[in-house]
PDB file of N, CA and C in Angstrom:
ATOM      1  N   UNK A   1      43.255 -55.916  56.046  1.00  0.00           N
ATOM      2  CA  UNK A   1      43.070 -57.345  55.988  1.00  0.00           C
ATOM      3  C   UNK A   1      41.937 -57.759  56.927  1.00  0.00           C
ATOM      4  N   UNK A   2      41.066 -58.621  56.472  1.00  0.00           N
ATOM      5  CA  UNK A   2      39.909 -59.079  57.238  1.00  0.00           C
ATOM      6  C   UNK A   2      40.308 -60.319  58.028  1.00  0.00           C
ATOM      7  N   UNK A   3      40.273 -60.294  59.384  1.00  0.00           N
ATOM      8  CA  UNK A   3      40.725 -61.441  60.171  1.00  0.00           C
ATOM      9  C   UNK A   3      39.845 -62.676  59.979  1.00  0.00           C
ATOM     10  N   UNK A   4      38.616 -62.520  59.567  1.00  0.00           N
ATOM     11  CA  UNK A   4      37.751 -63.676  59.384  1.00  0.00           C
ATOM     12  C   UNK A   4      37.781 -64.184  57.957  1.00  0.00           C
ATOM     13  N   UNK A   5      38.684 -63.715  57.121  1.00  0.00           N
ATOM     14  CA  UNK A   5      38.714 -64.116  55.716  1.00  0.00           C
ATOM     15  C   UNK A   5      37.947 -63.100  54.898  1.00  0.00           C
ATOM     16  N   UNK A   6      37.713 -63.416  53.652  1.00  0.00           N
ATOM     17  CA  UNK A   6      36.976 -62.487  52.804  1.00  0.00           C
ATOM     18  C   UNK A   6      35.525 -62.451  53.246  1.00  0.00           C
ATOM     19  N   UNK A   7      34.836 -61.348  52.908  1.00  0.00           N
ATOM     20  CA  UNK A   7      33.439 -61.191  53.314  1.00  0.00           C
ATOM     21  C   UNK A   7      32.575 -62.332  52.783  1.00  0.00           C
ATOM     22  N   UNK A   8      32.793 -62.749  51.561  1.00  0.00           N
ATOM     23  CA  UNK A   8      32.015 -63.829  50.976  1.00  0.00           C
ATOM     24  C   UNK A   8      32.193 -65.123  51.746  1.00  0.00           C
ATOM     25  N   UNK A   9      33.438 -65.418  52.100  1.00  0.00           N
ATOM     26  CA  UNK A   9      33.709 -66.644  52.824  1.00  0.00           C
ATOM     27  C   UNK A   9      33.097 -66.588  54.235  1.00  0.00           C
ATOM     28  N   UNK A  10      33.182 -65.441  54.863  1.00  0.00           N
ATOM     29  CA  UNK A  10      32.650 -65.290  56.212  1.00  0.00           C
ATOM     30  C   UNK A  10      31.121 -65.469  56.210  1.00  0.00           C
ATOM     31  N   UNK A  11      30.453 -64.909  55.228  1.00  0.00           N
ATOM     32  CA  UNK A  11      29.011 -65.059  55.133  1.00  0.00           C
ATOM     33  C   UNK A  11      28.638 -66.524  54.903  1.00  0.00           C
ATOM     34  N   UNK A  12      29.429 -67.218  54.071  1.00  0.00           N
ATOM     35  CA  UNK A  12      29.151 -68.625  53.833  1.00  0.00           C
ATOM     36  C   UNK A  12      29.291 -69.426  55.122  1.00  0.00           C
ATOM     37  N   UNK A  13      30.321 -69.123  55.909  1.00  0.00           N
ATOM     38  CA  UNK A  13      30.520 -69.831  57.176  1.00  0.00           C
ATOM     39  C   UNK A  13      29.325 -69.616  58.110  1.00  0.00           C
ATOM     40  N   UNK A  14      28.879 -68.377  58.194  1.00  0.00           N
ATOM     41  CA  UNK A  14      27.761 -68.075  59.072  1.00  0.00           C
ATOM     42  C   UNK A  14      26.478 -68.750  58.588  1.00  0.00           C
ATOM     43  N   UNK A  15      26.280 -68.773  57.306  1.00  0.00           N
ATOM     44  CA  UNK A  15      25.060 -69.358  56.759  1.00  0.00           C
ATOM     45  C   UNK A  15      25.001 -70.861  57.046  1.00  0.00           C
ATOM     46  N   UNK A  16      26.155 -71.526  57.028  1.00  0.00           N
ATOM     47  CA  UNK A  16      26.139 -72.961  57.273  1.00  0.00           C
ATOM     48  C   UNK A  16      26.125 -73.289  58.758  1.00  0.00           C
ATOM     49  N   UNK A  17      26.593 -72.377  59.601  1.00  0.00           N
ATOM     50  CA  UNK A  17      26.634 -72.634  61.037  1.00  0.00           C
ATOM     51  C   UNK A  17      25.334 -72.236  61.726  1.00  0.00           C
ATOM     52  N   UNK A  18      24.687 -71.188  61.246  1.00  0.00           N
ATOM     53  CA  UNK A  18      23.474 -70.711  61.868  1.00  0.00           C
ATOM     54  C   UNK A  18      22.299 -71.565  61.462  1.00  0.00           C
ATOM     55  N   UNK A  19      21.482 -71.878  62.428  1.00  0.00           N
ATOM     56  CA  UNK A  19      20.273 -72.636  62.119  1.00  0.00           C
ATOM     57  C   UNK A  19      19.119 -71.943  62.830  1.00  0.00           C
ATOM     58  N   UNK A  20      18.200 -71.465  62.056  1.00  0.00           N
ATOM     59  CA  UNK A  20      17.079 -70.741  62.624  1.00  0.00           C
ATOM     60  C   UNK A  20      15.967 -71.736  62.921  1.00  0.00           C
ATOM     61  N   UNK A  21      15.534 -71.739  64.154  1.00  0.00           N
ATOM     62  CA  UNK A  21      14.441 -72.617  64.548  1.00  0.00           C
ATOM     63  C   UNK A  21      13.284 -71.745  65.002  1.00  0.00           C
ATOM     64  N   UNK A  22      12.130 -72.043  64.491  1.00  0.00           N
ATOM     65  CA  UNK A  22      10.955 -71.313  64.931  1.00  0.00           C
ATOM     66  C   UNK A  22      10.293 -72.125  66.026  1.00  0.00           C
ATOM     67  N   UNK A  23       9.902 -71.440  67.073  1.00  0.00           N
ATOM     68  CA  UNK A  23       9.238 -72.108  68.182  1.00  0.00           C
ATOM     69  C   UNK A  23       7.739 -72.116  67.936  1.00  0.00           C
ATOM     70  N   UNK A  24       7.116 -73.200  68.300  1.00  0.00           N
ATOM     71  CA  UNK A  24       5.657 -73.250  68.243  1.00  0.00           C
ATOM     72  C   UNK A  24       5.127 -72.359  69.359  1.00  0.00           C
ATOM     73  N   UNK A  25       4.034 -71.659  69.091  1.00  0.00           N
ATOM     74  CA  UNK A  25       3.483 -70.819  70.163  1.00  0.00           C
ATOM     75  C   UNK A  25       3.001 -71.691  71.311  1.00  0.00           C
ATOM     76  N   UNK A  26       3.112 -71.172  72.507  1.00  0.00           N
ATOM     77  CA  UNK A  26       2.669 -71.900  73.695  1.00  0.00           C
ATOM     78  C   UNK A  26       1.166 -72.157  73.590  1.00  0.00           C
ATOM     79  N   UNK A  27       0.757 -73.331  73.956  1.00  0.00           N
ATOM     80  CA  UNK A  27      -0.648 -73.717  73.862  1.00  0.00           C
ATOM     81  C   UNK A  27      -1.347 -73.553  75.216  1.00  0.00           C
ATOM     82  N   UNK A  28      -2.627 -73.214  75.149  1.00  0.00           N
ATOM     83  CA  UNK A  28      -3.446 -73.039  76.346  1.00  0.00           C
ATOM     84  C   UNK A  28      -4.709 -73.860  76.213  1.00  0.00           C
ATOM     85  N   UNK A  29      -5.096 -74.491  77.320  1.00  0.00           N
ATOM     86  CA  UNK A  29      -6.349 -75.236  77.303  1.00  0.00           C
ATOM     87  C   UNK A  29      -7.454 -74.339  77.867  1.00  0.00           C
ATOM     88  N   UNK A  30      -8.595 -74.373  77.206  1.00  0.00           N
ATOM     89  CA  UNK A  30      -9.770 -73.656  77.695  1.00  0.00           C
ATOM     90  C   UNK A  30     -10.503 -74.621  78.609  1.00  0.00           C
ATOM     91  N   UNK A  31     -10.638 -74.217  79.876  1.00  0.00           N
ATOM     92  CA  UNK A  31     -11.212 -75.088  80.896  1.00  0.00           C
ATOM     93  C   UNK A  31     -12.578 -74.558  81.320  1.00  0.00           C
ATOM     94  N   UNK A  32     -13.564 -75.432  81.298  1.00  0.00           N
ATOM     95  CA  UNK A  32     -14.906 -75.136  81.812  1.00  0.00           C
ATOM     96  C   UNK A  32     -14.946 -75.561  83.279  1.00  0.00           C
ATOM     97  N   UNK A  33     -15.529 -74.711  84.125  1.00  0.00           N
ATOM     98  CA  UNK A  33     -15.620 -75.015  85.556  1.00  0.00           C
ATOM     99  C   UNK A  33     -17.076 -75.251  85.945  1.00  0.00           C
ATOM    100  N   UNK A  34     -17.290 -76.187  86.842  1.00  0.00           N
ATOM    101  CA  UNK A  34     -18.636 -76.519  87.297  1.00  0.00           C
ATOM    102  C   UNK A  34     -19.196 -75.416  88.185  1.00  0.00           C
ATOM    103  N   UNK A  35     -20.486 -75.206  88.059  1.00  0.00           N
ATOM    104  CA  UNK A  35     -21.202 -74.332  88.985  1.00  0.00           C
ATOM    105  C   UNK A  35     -22.581 -74.945  89.209  1.00  0.00           C
ATOM    106  N   UNK A  36     -23.334 -74.414  90.129  1.00  0.00           N
ATOM    107  CA  UNK A  36     -24.632 -74.995  90.471  1.00  0.00           C
ATOM    108  C   UNK A  36     -25.796 -74.380  89.697  1.00  0.00           C
ATOM    109  N   UNK A  37     -25.520 -73.503  88.749  1.00  0.00           N
ATOM    110  CA  UNK A  37     -26.594 -72.783  88.080  1.00  0.00           C
ATOM    111  C   UNK A  37     -26.656 -72.986  86.579  1.00  0.00           C
ATOM    112  N   UNK A  38     -25.515 -73.062  85.908  1.00  0.00           N
ATOM    113  CA  UNK A  38     -25.502 -73.231  84.455  1.00  0.00           C
ATOM    114  C   UNK A  38     -26.044 -74.617  84.125  1.00  0.00           C
ATOM    115  N   UNK A  39     -27.000 -74.655  83.216  1.00  0.00           N
ATOM    116  CA  UNK A  39     -27.618 -75.950  82.889  1.00  0.00           C
ATOM    117  C   UNK A  39     -26.684 -76.805  82.046  1.00  0.00           C
ATOM    118  N   UNK A  40     -26.889 -78.096  82.147  1.00  0.00           N
ATOM    119  CA  UNK A  40     -26.099 -79.044  81.365  1.00  0.00           C
ATOM    120  C   UNK A  40     -26.349 -78.826  79.881  1.00  0.00           C
ATOM    121  N   UNK A  41     -27.589 -78.541  79.527  1.00  0.00           N
ATOM    122  CA  UNK A  41     -27.941 -78.304  78.121  1.00  0.00           C
ATOM    123  C   UNK A  41     -27.206 -77.096  77.561  1.00  0.00           C
ATOM    124  N   UNK A  42     -27.072 -76.066  78.391  1.00  0.00           N
ATOM    125  CA  UNK A  42     -26.378 -74.852  77.944  1.00  0.00           C
ATOM    126  C   UNK A  42     -24.899 -75.144  77.700  1.00  0.00           C
ATOM    127  N   UNK A  43     -24.287 -75.929  78.576  1.00  0.00           N
ATOM    128  CA  UNK A  43     -22.871 -76.286  78.411  1.00  0.00           C
ATOM    129  C   UNK A  43     -22.681 -77.077  77.113  1.00  0.00           C
ATOM    130  N   UNK A  44     -23.565 -78.012  76.831  1.00  0.00           N
ATOM    131  CA  UNK A  44     -23.497 -78.785  75.587  1.00  0.00           C
ATOM    132  C   UNK A  44     -23.620 -77.845  74.384  1.00  0.00           C
ATOM    133  N   UNK A  45     -24.575 -76.918  74.448  1.00  0.00           N
ATOM    134  CA  UNK A  45     -24.764 -75.945  73.371  1.00  0.00           C
ATOM    135  C   UNK A  45     -23.486 -75.116  73.144  1.00  0.00           C
ATOM    136  N   UNK A  46     -22.885 -74.637  74.201  1.00  0.00           N
ATOM    137  CA  UNK A  46     -21.648 -73.837  74.104  1.00  0.00           C
ATOM    138  C   UNK A  46     -20.535 -74.653  73.446  1.00  0.00           C
ATOM    139  N   UNK A  47     -20.375 -75.884  73.880  1.00  0.00           N
ATOM    140  CA  UNK A  47     -19.310 -76.736  73.314  1.00  0.00           C
ATOM    141  C   UNK A  47     -19.515 -76.988  71.828  1.00  0.00           C
ATOM    142  N   UNK A  48     -20.761 -77.173  71.433  1.00  0.00           N
ATOM    143  CA  UNK A  48     -21.050 -77.409  70.021  1.00  0.00           C
ATOM    144  C   UNK A  48     -20.888 -76.138  69.197  1.00  0.00           C
ATOM    145  N   UNK A  49     -21.391 -75.030  69.718  1.00  0.00           N
ATOM    146  CA  UNK A  49     -21.412 -73.780  68.957  1.00  0.00           C
ATOM    147  C   UNK A  49     -20.055 -73.083  68.902  1.00  0.00           C
ATOM    148  N   UNK A  50     -19.313 -73.063  70.000  1.00  0.00           N
ATOM    149  CA  UNK A  50     -18.072 -72.294  70.058  1.00  0.00           C
ATOM    150  C   UNK A  50     -16.809 -73.144  69.924  1.00  0.00           C
ATOM    151  N   UNK A  51     -16.924 -74.436  70.199  1.00  0.00           N
ATOM    152  CA  UNK A  51     -15.736 -75.292  70.164  1.00  0.00           C
ATOM    153  C   UNK A  51     -15.843 -76.402  69.126  1.00  0.00           C
ATOM    154  N   UNK A  52     -16.873 -76.345  68.301  1.00  0.00           N
ATOM    155  CA  UNK A  52     -17.097 -77.278  67.188  1.00  0.00           C
ATOM    156  C   UNK A  52     -17.022 -78.745  67.616  1.00  0.00           C
ATOM    157  N   UNK A  53     -17.599 -79.042  68.763  1.00  0.00           N
ATOM    158  CA  UNK A  53     -17.666 -80.423  69.244  1.00  0.00           C
ATOM    159  C   UNK A  53     -18.970 -81.056  68.763  1.00  0.00           C
ATOM    160  N   UNK A  54     -18.958 -82.362  68.589  1.00  0.00           N
ATOM    161  CA  UNK A  54     -20.186 -83.063  68.263  1.00  0.00           C
ATOM    162  C   UNK A  54     -21.047 -83.122  69.522  1.00  0.00           C
ATOM    163  N   UNK A  55     -22.293 -83.522  69.350  1.00  0.00           N
ATOM    164  CA  UNK A  55     -23.177 -83.643  70.514  1.00  0.00           C
ATOM    165  C   UNK A  55     -22.641 -84.678  71.500  1.00  0.00           C
ATOM    166  N   UNK A  56     -22.101 -85.770  70.978  1.00  0.00           N
ATOM    167  CA  UNK A  56     -21.535 -86.817  71.842  1.00  0.00           C
ATOM    168  C   UNK A  56     -20.323 -86.298  72.606  1.00  0.00           C
ATOM    169  N   UNK A  57     -19.401 -85.637  71.900  1.00  0.00           N
ATOM    170  CA  UNK A  57     -18.219 -85.068  72.568  1.00  0.00           C
ATOM    171  C   UNK A  57     -18.626 -84.039  73.615  1.00  0.00           C
ATOM    172  N   UNK A  58     -19.587 -83.188  73.250  1.00  0.00           N
ATOM    173  CA  UNK A  58     -20.049 -82.141  74.159  1.00  0.00           C
ATOM    174  C   UNK A  58     -20.659 -82.733  75.421  1.00  0.00           C
ATOM    175  N   UNK A  59     -21.455 -83.764  75.254  1.00  0.00           N
ATOM    176  CA  UNK A  59     -22.083 -84.415  76.408  1.00  0.00           C
ATOM    177  C   UNK A  59     -21.025 -85.043  77.308  1.00  0.00           C
ATOM    178  N   UNK A  60     -20.031 -85.678  76.704  1.00  0.00           N
ATOM    179  CA  UNK A  60     -18.945 -86.285  77.489  1.00  0.00           C
ATOM    180  C   UNK A  60     -18.182 -85.218  78.293  1.00  0.00           C
ATOM    181  N   UNK A  61     -17.839 -84.099  77.654  1.00  0.00           N
ATOM    182  CA  UNK A  61     -17.119 -83.024  78.349  1.00  0.00           C
ATOM    183  C   UNK A  61     -17.993 -82.444  79.456  1.00  0.00           C
ATOM    184  N   UNK A  62     -19.277 -82.222  79.163  1.00  0.00           N
ATOM    185  CA  UNK A  62     -20.198 -81.667  80.154  1.00  0.00           C
ATOM    186  C   UNK A  62     -20.288 -82.584  81.374  1.00  0.00           C
ATOM    187  N   UNK A  63     -20.358 -83.892  81.140  1.00  0.00           N
ATOM    188  CA  UNK A  63     -20.436 -84.833  82.264  1.00  0.00           C
ATOM    189  C   UNK A  63     -19.127 -84.851  83.066  1.00  0.00           C
ATOM    190  N   UNK A  64     -18.011 -84.688  82.383  1.00  0.00           N
ATOM    191  CA  UNK A  64     -16.722 -84.585  83.076  1.00  0.00           C
ATOM    192  C   UNK A  64     -16.716 -83.353  83.980  1.00  0.00           C
ATOM    193  N   UNK A  65     -17.188 -82.224  83.455  1.00  0.00           N
ATOM    194  CA  UNK A  65     -17.279 -80.997  84.254  1.00  0.00           C
ATOM    195  C   UNK A  65     -18.207 -81.233  85.454  1.00  0.00           C
ATOM    196  N   UNK A  66     -19.324 -81.861  85.213  1.00  0.00           N
ATOM    197  CA  UNK A  66     -20.312 -82.096  86.273  1.00  0.00           C
ATOM    198  C   UNK A  66     -19.754 -83.005  87.381  1.00  0.00           C
ATOM    199  N   UNK A  67     -19.045 -84.047  87.005  1.00  0.00           N
ATOM    200  CA  UNK A  67     -18.570 -85.020  87.988  1.00  0.00           C
ATOM    201  C   UNK A  67     -17.203 -84.681  88.588  1.00  0.00           C
ATOM    202  N   UNK A  68     -16.330 -84.066  87.794  1.00  0.00           N
ATOM    203  CA  UNK A  68     -14.970 -83.800  88.277  1.00  0.00           C
ATOM    204  C   UNK A  68     -14.703 -82.333  88.608  1.00  0.00           C
ATOM    205  N   UNK A  69     -15.654 -81.464  88.278  1.00  0.00           N
ATOM    206  CA  UNK A  69     -15.492 -80.044  88.619  1.00  0.00           C
ATOM    207  C   UNK A  69     -14.950 -79.189  87.497  1.00  0.00           C
ATOM    208  N   UNK A  70     -14.312 -79.813  86.513  1.00  0.00           N
ATOM    209  CA  UNK A  70     -13.840 -79.065  85.357  1.00  0.00           C
ATOM    210  C   UNK A  70     -13.552 -80.009  84.197  1.00  0.00           C
ATOM    211  N   UNK A  71     -13.510 -79.425  83.009  1.00  0.00           N
ATOM    212  CA  UNK A  71     -13.232 -80.205  81.807  1.00  0.00           C
ATOM    213  C   UNK A  71     -12.644 -79.312  80.733  1.00  0.00           C
ATOM    214  N   UNK A  72     -11.920 -79.907  79.818  1.00  0.00           N
ATOM    215  CA  UNK A  72     -11.226 -79.158  78.768  1.00  0.00           C
ATOM    216  C   UNK A  72     -12.108 -79.049  77.529  1.00  0.00           C
ATOM    217  N   UNK A  73     -12.371 -77.808  77.137  1.00  0.00           N
ATOM    218  CA  UNK A  73     -13.178 -77.549  75.941  1.00  0.00           C
ATOM    219  C   UNK A  73     -12.326 -77.625  74.679  1.00  0.00           C
ATOM    220  N   UNK A  74     -11.051 -77.262  74.796  1.00  0.00           N
ATOM    221  CA  UNK A  74     -10.154 -77.289  73.645  1.00  0.00           C
ATOM    222  C   UNK A  74      -8.791 -76.734  73.990  1.00  0.00           C
ATOM    223  N   UNK A  75      -7.842 -76.917  73.072  1.00  0.00           N
ATOM    224  CA  UNK A  75      -6.473 -76.417  73.255  1.00  0.00           C
ATOM    225  C   UNK A  75      -6.136 -75.538  72.062  1.00  0.00           C
ATOM    226  N   UNK A  76      -5.676 -74.321  72.367  1.00  0.00           N
ATOM    227  CA  UNK A  76      -5.455 -73.306  71.331  1.00  0.00           C
ATOM    228  C   UNK A  76      -4.240 -72.453  71.691  1.00  0.00           C
ATOM    229  N   UNK A  77      -3.855 -71.596  70.749  1.00  0.00           N
ATOM    230  CA  UNK A  77      -2.849 -70.587  71.072  1.00  0.00           C
ATOM    231  C   UNK A  77      -3.481 -69.616  72.077  1.00  0.00           C
ATOM    232  N   UNK A  78      -2.677 -68.852  72.748  1.00  0.00           N
ATOM    233  CA  UNK A  78      -3.174 -67.955  73.798  1.00  0.00           C
ATOM    234  C   UNK A  78      -4.256 -67.009  73.278  1.00  0.00           C
ATOM    235  N   UNK A  79      -4.003 -66.371  72.129  1.00  0.00           N
ATOM    236  CA  UNK A  79      -4.961 -65.403  71.578  1.00  0.00           C
ATOM    237  C   UNK A  79      -6.293 -66.056  71.254  1.00  0.00           C
ATOM    238  N   UNK A  80      -6.250 -67.216  70.635  1.00  0.00           N
ATOM    239  CA  UNK A  80      -7.484 -67.911  70.276  1.00  0.00           C
ATOM    240  C   UNK A  80      -8.234 -68.341  71.539  1.00  0.00           C
ATOM    241  N   UNK A  81      -7.523 -68.865  72.521  1.00  0.00           N
ATOM    242  CA  UNK A  81      -8.154 -69.301  73.774  1.00  0.00           C
ATOM    243  C   UNK A  81      -8.836 -68.125  74.464  1.00  0.00           C
ATOM    244  N   UNK A  82      -8.146 -67.001  74.552  1.00  0.00           N
ATOM    245  CA  UNK A  82      -8.719 -65.827  75.220  1.00  0.00           C
ATOM    246  C   UNK A  82      -9.921 -65.284  74.457  1.00  0.00           C
ATOM    247  N   UNK A  83      -9.861 -65.307  73.136  1.00  0.00           N
ATOM    248  CA  UNK A  83     -10.984 -64.839  72.318  1.00  0.00           C
ATOM    249  C   UNK A  83     -12.198 -65.730  72.516  1.00  0.00           C
ATOM    250  N   UNK A  84     -11.990 -67.039  72.503  1.00  0.00           N
ATOM    251  CA  UNK A  84     -13.101 -67.972  72.694  1.00  0.00           C
ATOM    252  C   UNK A  84     -13.742 -67.764  74.068  1.00  0.00           C
ATOM    253  N   UNK A  85     -12.924 -67.560  75.081  1.00  0.00           N
ATOM    254  CA  UNK A  85     -13.446 -67.332  76.433  1.00  0.00           C
ATOM    255  C   UNK A  85     -14.309 -66.073  76.455  1.00  0.00           C
ATOM    256  N   UNK A  86     -13.826 -64.993  75.865  1.00  0.00           N
ATOM    257  CA  UNK A  86     -14.599 -63.744  75.833  1.00  0.00           C
ATOM    258  C   UNK A  86     -15.927 -63.935  75.114  1.00  0.00           C
ATOM    259  N   UNK A  87     -15.896 -64.626  73.969  1.00  0.00           N
ATOM    260  CA  UNK A  87     -17.131 -64.871  73.212  1.00  0.00           C
ATOM    261  C   UNK A  87     -18.130 -65.689  74.019  1.00  0.00           C
ATOM    262  N   UNK A  88     -17.651 -66.750  74.652  1.00  0.00           N
ATOM    263  CA  UNK A  88     -18.533 -67.617  75.428  1.00  0.00           C
ATOM    264  C   UNK A  88     -19.092 -66.891  76.645  1.00  0.00           C
ATOM    265  N   UNK A  89     -18.260 -66.133  77.334  1.00  0.00           N
ATOM    266  CA  UNK A  89     -18.737 -65.421  78.515  1.00  0.00           C
ATOM    267  C   UNK A  89     -19.802 -64.385  78.138  1.00  0.00           C
ATOM    268  N   UNK A  90     -19.619 -63.720  76.999  1.00  0.00           N
ATOM    269  CA  UNK A  90     -20.634 -62.780  76.518  1.00  0.00           C
ATOM    270  C   UNK A  90     -21.940 -63.486  76.210  1.00  0.00           C
ATOM    271  N   UNK A  91     -21.840 -64.620  75.550  1.00  0.00           N
ATOM    272  CA  UNK A  91     -23.010 -65.431  75.214  1.00  0.00           C
ATOM    273  C   UNK A  91     -23.708 -65.902  76.488  1.00  0.00           C
ATOM    274  N   UNK A  92     -22.943 -66.390  77.451  1.00  0.00           N
ATOM    275  CA  UNK A  92     -23.505 -66.888  78.708  1.00  0.00           C
ATOM    276  C   UNK A  92     -24.197 -65.763  79.476  1.00  0.00           C
ATOM    277  N   UNK A  93     -23.603 -64.598  79.456  1.00  0.00           N
ATOM    278  CA  UNK A  93     -24.192 -63.448  80.156  1.00  0.00           C
ATOM    279  C   UNK A  93     -25.550 -63.081  79.546  1.00  0.00           C
ATOM    280  N   UNK A  94     -25.637 -63.146  78.221  1.00  0.00           N
ATOM    281  CA  UNK A  94     -26.906 -62.865  77.530  1.00  0.00           C
ATOM    282  C   UNK A  94     -28.017 -63.773  78.030  1.00  0.00           C
ATOM    283  N   UNK A  95     -27.684 -64.999  78.360  1.00  0.00           N
ATOM    284  CA  UNK A  95     -28.669 -65.987  78.799  1.00  0.00           C
ATOM    285  C   UNK A  95     -28.728 -66.130  80.319  1.00  0.00           C
ATOM    286  N   UNK A  96     -28.030 -65.256  81.029  1.00  0.00           N
ATOM    287  CA  UNK A  96     -28.076 -65.265  82.484  1.00  0.00           C
ATOM    288  C   UNK A  96     -27.388 -66.462  83.113  1.00  0.00           C
ATOM    289  N   UNK A  97     -26.398 -67.007  82.428  1.00  0.00           N
ATOM    290  CA  UNK A  97     -25.672 -68.165  82.949  1.00  0.00           C
ATOM    291  C   UNK A  97     -24.308 -67.719  83.506  1.00  0.00           C
ATOM    292  N   UNK A  98     -23.988 -68.120  84.738  1.00  0.00           N
ATOM    293  CA  UNK A  98     -22.715 -67.712  85.343  1.00  0.00           C
ATOM    294  C   UNK A  98     -21.549 -68.636  84.993  1.00  0.00           C
ATOM    295  N   UNK A  99     -21.518 -69.088  83.748  1.00  0.00           N
ATOM    296  CA  UNK A  99     -20.494 -70.024  83.293  1.00  0.00           C
ATOM    297  C   UNK A  99     -19.105 -69.446  83.526  1.00  0.00           C
ATOM    298  N   UNK A 100     -18.206 -70.284  84.020  1.00  0.00           N
ATOM    299  CA  UNK A 100     -16.824 -69.852  84.254  1.00  0.00           C
ATOM    300  C   UNK A 100     -15.883 -70.658  83.362  1.00  0.00           C
ATOM    301  N   UNK A 101     -15.031 -69.939  82.615  1.00  0.00           N
ATOM    302  CA  UNK A 101     -13.999 -70.558  81.779  1.00  0.00           C
ATOM    303  C   UNK A 101     -12.677 -69.889  82.103  1.00  0.00           C
ATOM    304  N   UNK A 102     -11.609 -70.669  82.020  1.00  0.00           N
ATOM    305  CA  UNK A 102     -10.266 -70.115  82.198  1.00  0.00           C
ATOM    306  C   UNK A 102      -9.342 -70.672  81.112  1.00  0.00           C
ATOM    307  N   UNK A 103      -8.237 -69.980  80.891  1.00  0.00           N
ATOM    308  CA  UNK A 103      -7.192 -70.467  79.988  1.00  0.00           C
ATOM    309  C   UNK A 103      -6.001 -70.840  80.846  1.00  0.00           C
ATOM    310  N   UNK A 104      -5.530 -72.065  80.702  1.00  0.00           N
ATOM    311  CA  UNK A 104      -4.392 -72.553  81.473  1.00  0.00           C
ATOM    312  C   UNK A 104      -3.346 -73.097  80.535  1.00  0.00           C
ATOM    313  N   UNK A 105      -2.060 -72.828  80.799  1.00  0.00           N
ATOM    314  CA  UNK A 105      -1.005 -73.355  79.936  1.00  0.00           C
ATOM    315  C   UNK A 105      -1.038 -74.881  79.893  1.00  0.00           C
ATOM    316  N   UNK A 106      -0.747 -75.431  78.727  1.00  0.00           N
ATOM    317  CA  UNK A 106      -0.715 -76.888  78.590  1.00  0.00           C
ATOM    318  C   UNK A 106       0.539 -77.405  79.246  1.00  0.00           C
TER     319      UNK A 106
END
């Protein structure tokens, strides 16, 4: 004798009681940090090319970095944020720019 009832009934009970929830992946912001060497034009170029920002948005973010020390380039899943950082750092290195980016949890 099955203490939980028949197998069919037990499965039905579990199916109605269990609720599967998928969690959204944790988001990370890609942060640009100010330095005294990377040009403002280069930062605008990076924002437009790698983060699909308009020229106006890029200029606003660049000025925020310049005046406040850092600014958010975008918010992504961890993998995407880390990939974008690697791509940008490689690009910056090619042009001799010591641009610094980090990924921080939202």
